[in-house]
Amino acid sequence: GGEYELKEATMYSSVKRLETDGDIEWYWGDESQGGRRKYFRITEKGKSAYVRNKNNWEYSKRVLENLL
């Protein structure tokens, strides 16, 4: 109960935004069986954004915990 369910459309729009912002990039995998698959990797810019957002989240969490 109370778990967040991520909708497929939300995920794809988020991936597109991350790609447009240069935080991730994609490449085709080398599949020996089945169809080609598209893979994503985080860029250096994306790693920096992750650290910044994680630090902001941890700060916000501490502020909220102190209020409760």
N, C-alpha and C. Protein backbone atom coordinates (compact mmCIF):
# COMPACT_ATOMS: atom_id res chain seq x y z
N GLY A 1 0.81 -1.19 0.00
CA GLY A 1 0.00 0.00 0.00
C GLY A 1 0.85 1.24 0.00
N GLY A 2 0.38 2.26 -0.63
CA GLY A 2 1.05 3.55 -0.62
C GLY A 2 2.26 3.64 -1.53
N GLU A 3 2.52 2.62 -2.31
CA GLU A 3 3.66 2.66 -3.21
C GLU A 3 3.31 3.43 -4.47
N TYR A 4 4.31 4.14 -4.99
CA TYR A 4 4.11 4.92 -6.20
C TYR A 4 4.25 4.01 -7.41
N GLU A 5 3.31 4.10 -8.32
CA GLU A 5 3.37 3.31 -9.55
C GLU A 5 3.75 4.24 -10.69
N LEU A 6 4.89 3.97 -11.29
CA LEU A 6 5.38 4.79 -12.40
C LEU A 6 4.71 4.35 -13.69
N LYS A 7 4.02 5.26 -14.32
CA LYS A 7 3.36 4.96 -15.59
C LYS A 7 4.39 4.96 -16.71
N GLU A 8 4.16 4.14 -17.70
CA GLU A 8 5.10 4.00 -18.82
C GLU A 8 5.32 5.34 -19.53
N ALA A 9 4.24 6.08 -19.76
CA ALA A 9 4.35 7.38 -20.45
C ALA A 9 5.20 8.36 -19.64
N THR A 10 5.07 8.31 -18.32
CA THR A 10 5.87 9.19 -17.46
C THR A 10 7.34 8.85 -17.56
N MET A 11 7.64 7.55 -17.58
CA MET A 11 9.03 7.12 -17.68
C MET A 11 9.64 7.58 -19.01
N TYR A 12 8.91 7.38 -20.11
CA TYR A 12 9.45 7.76 -21.41
C TYR A 12 9.64 9.27 -21.54
N SER A 13 8.73 10.06 -20.99
CA SER A 13 8.90 11.51 -21.06
C SER A 13 10.08 11.95 -20.19
N SER A 14 10.30 11.27 -19.07
CA SER A 14 11.45 11.59 -18.22
C SER A 14 12.76 11.23 -18.91
N VAL A 15 12.80 10.07 -19.56
CA VAL A 15 14.00 9.66 -20.30
C VAL A 15 14.29 10.65 -21.42
N LYS A 16 13.26 11.07 -22.12
CA LYS A 16 13.43 12.04 -23.22
C LYS A 16 13.98 13.36 -22.70
N ARG A 17 13.46 13.82 -21.54
CA ARG A 17 13.95 15.06 -20.95
C ARG A 17 15.42 14.92 -20.54
N LEU A 18 15.78 13.80 -19.91
CA LEU A 18 17.17 13.57 -19.52
C LEU A 18 18.09 13.55 -20.73
N GLU A 19 17.61 12.96 -21.82
CA GLU A 19 18.40 12.91 -23.05
C GLU A 19 18.55 14.31 -23.66
N THR A 20 17.46 15.05 -23.72
CA THR A 20 17.49 16.41 -24.28
C THR A 20 18.41 17.32 -23.47
N ASP A 21 18.41 17.13 -22.14
CA ASP A 21 19.25 17.94 -21.26
C ASP A 21 20.71 17.51 -21.27
N GLY A 22 21.01 16.39 -21.93
CA GLY A 22 22.39 15.91 -21.99
C GLY A 22 22.83 15.13 -20.77
N ASP A 23 21.87 14.69 -19.94
CA ASP A 23 22.21 13.94 -18.73
C ASP A 23 22.40 12.45 -19.00
N ILE A 24 21.80 11.95 -20.07
CA ILE A 24 21.99 10.56 -20.49
C ILE A 24 22.21 10.53 -22.00
N GLU A 25 22.77 9.44 -22.47
CA GLU A 25 22.91 9.22 -23.91
C GLU A 25 22.57 7.75 -24.18
N TRP A 26 22.21 7.46 -25.40
CA TRP A 26 21.82 6.09 -25.73
C TRP A 26 22.75 5.51 -26.78
N TYR A 27 22.73 4.19 -26.83
CA TYR A 27 23.51 3.47 -27.84
C TYR A 27 22.80 2.15 -28.13
N TRP A 28 23.06 1.59 -29.29
CA TRP A 28 22.49 0.30 -29.65
C TRP A 28 23.38 -0.81 -29.11
N GLY A 29 22.76 -1.83 -28.52
CA GLY A 29 23.50 -2.98 -28.03
C GLY A 29 23.83 -3.95 -29.15
N ASP A 30 24.79 -4.79 -28.91
CA ASP A 30 25.17 -5.85 -29.85
C ASP A 30 24.49 -7.14 -29.42
N GLU A 31 23.28 -7.35 -29.87
CA GLU A 31 22.54 -8.55 -29.52
C GLU A 31 22.82 -9.66 -30.52
N SER A 32 23.18 -10.81 -30.02
CA SER A 32 23.39 -11.95 -30.92
C SER A 32 22.07 -12.67 -31.17
N GLN A 33 21.11 -12.48 -30.28
CA GLN A 33 19.79 -13.10 -30.44
C GLN A 33 18.73 -12.03 -30.23
N GLY A 34 17.67 -12.13 -30.99
CA GLY A 34 16.57 -11.18 -30.83
C GLY A 34 16.85 -9.85 -31.48
N GLY A 35 15.93 -8.92 -31.26
CA GLY A 35 16.05 -7.59 -31.86
C GLY A 35 17.08 -6.73 -31.16
N ARG A 36 17.46 -5.67 -31.86
CA ARG A 36 18.40 -4.72 -31.27
C ARG A 36 17.74 -4.03 -30.09
N ARG A 37 18.54 -3.74 -29.10
CA ARG A 37 18.04 -3.03 -27.92
C ARG A 37 18.77 -1.70 -27.78
N LYS A 38 18.02 -0.73 -27.30
CA LYS A 38 18.56 0.60 -27.05
C LYS A 38 18.94 0.67 -25.57
N TYR A 39 20.18 1.03 -25.30
CA TYR A 39 20.66 1.14 -23.93
C TYR A 39 20.97 2.60 -23.63
N PHE A 40 20.91 2.95 -22.35
CA PHE A 40 21.20 4.31 -21.92
C PHE A 40 22.35 4.29 -20.92
N ARG A 41 23.14 5.35 -20.95
CA ARG A 41 24.19 5.52 -19.94
C ARG A 41 24.18 6.98 -19.49
N ILE A 42 24.59 7.18 -18.26
CA ILE A 42 24.63 8.53 -17.70
C ILE A 42 25.91 9.22 -18.18
N THR A 43 25.80 10.49 -18.49
CA THR A 43 26.95 11.28 -18.94
C THR A 43 27.61 11.93 -17.73
N GLU A 44 28.77 12.53 -17.94
CA GLU A 44 29.43 13.26 -16.85
C GLU A 44 28.53 14.39 -16.35
N LYS A 45 27.86 15.07 -17.27
CA LYS A 45 26.91 16.13 -16.89
C LYS A 45 25.80 15.54 -16.04
N GLY A 46 25.32 14.37 -16.42
CA GLY A 46 24.27 13.70 -15.66
C GLY A 46 24.72 13.29 -14.28
N LYS A 47 25.97 12.83 -14.16
CA LYS A 47 26.51 12.46 -12.85
C LYS A 47 26.56 13.67 -11.93
N SER A 48 26.96 14.82 -12.47
CA SER A 48 27.01 16.05 -11.68
C SER A 48 25.61 16.46 -11.25
N ALA A 49 24.66 16.36 -12.16
CA ALA A 49 23.27 16.72 -11.83
C ALA A 49 22.73 15.79 -10.76
N TYR A 50 23.06 14.50 -10.84
CA TYR A 50 22.61 13.54 -9.84
C TYR A 50 23.14 13.90 -8.45
N VAL A 51 24.43 14.19 -8.35
CA VAL A 51 25.02 14.54 -7.06
C VAL A 51 24.37 15.80 -6.51
N ARG A 52 24.19 16.81 -7.36
CA ARG A 52 23.57 18.07 -6.93
C ARG A 52 22.14 17.83 -6.43
N ASN A 53 21.36 17.07 -7.19
CA ASN A 53 19.97 16.81 -6.80
C ASN A 53 19.89 15.95 -5.54
N LYS A 54 20.80 15.00 -5.41
CA LYS A 54 20.83 14.14 -4.22
C LYS A 54 21.14 14.98 -2.99
N ASN A 55 22.11 15.87 -3.09
CA ASN A 55 22.46 16.74 -1.97
C ASN A 55 21.29 17.66 -1.61
N ASN A 56 20.62 18.20 -2.61
CA ASN A 56 19.45 19.06 -2.35
C ASN A 56 18.35 18.27 -1.66
N TRP A 57 18.12 17.03 -2.10
CA TRP A 57 17.09 16.19 -1.50
C TRP A 57 17.44 15.87 -0.04
N GLU A 58 18.69 15.53 0.23
CA GLU A 58 19.10 15.20 1.59
C GLU A 58 18.94 16.41 2.51
N TYR A 59 19.26 17.60 2.02
CA TYR A 59 19.07 18.82 2.80
C TYR A 59 17.59 19.04 3.09
N SER A 60 16.75 18.92 2.07
CA SER A 60 15.31 19.11 2.25
C SER A 60 14.74 18.09 3.23
N LYS A 61 15.21 16.87 3.15
CA LYS A 61 14.75 15.81 4.05
C LYS A 61 15.11 16.15 5.50
N ARG A 62 16.33 16.64 5.73
CA ARG A 62 16.74 17.02 7.09
C ARG A 62 15.88 18.16 7.62
N VAL A 63 15.58 19.14 6.78
CA VAL A 63 14.74 20.26 7.20
C VAL A 63 13.36 19.76 7.60
N LEU A 64 12.78 18.90 6.78
CA LEU A 64 11.45 18.36 7.09
C LEU A 64 11.46 17.51 8.35
N GLU A 65 12.49 16.71 8.54
CA GLU A 65 12.58 15.88 9.75
C GLU A 65 12.68 16.74 11.00
N ASN A 66 13.36 17.87 10.92
CA ASN A 66 13.47 18.77 12.06
C ASN A 66 12.15 19.46 12.37
N LEU A 67 11.31 19.63 11.37
CA LEU A 67 10.00 20.26 11.58
C LEU A 67 9.00 19.30 12.22
N LEU A 68 9.20 18.01 12.00
CA LEU A 68 8.26 17.02 12.51
C LEU A 68 8.62 16.63 13.89
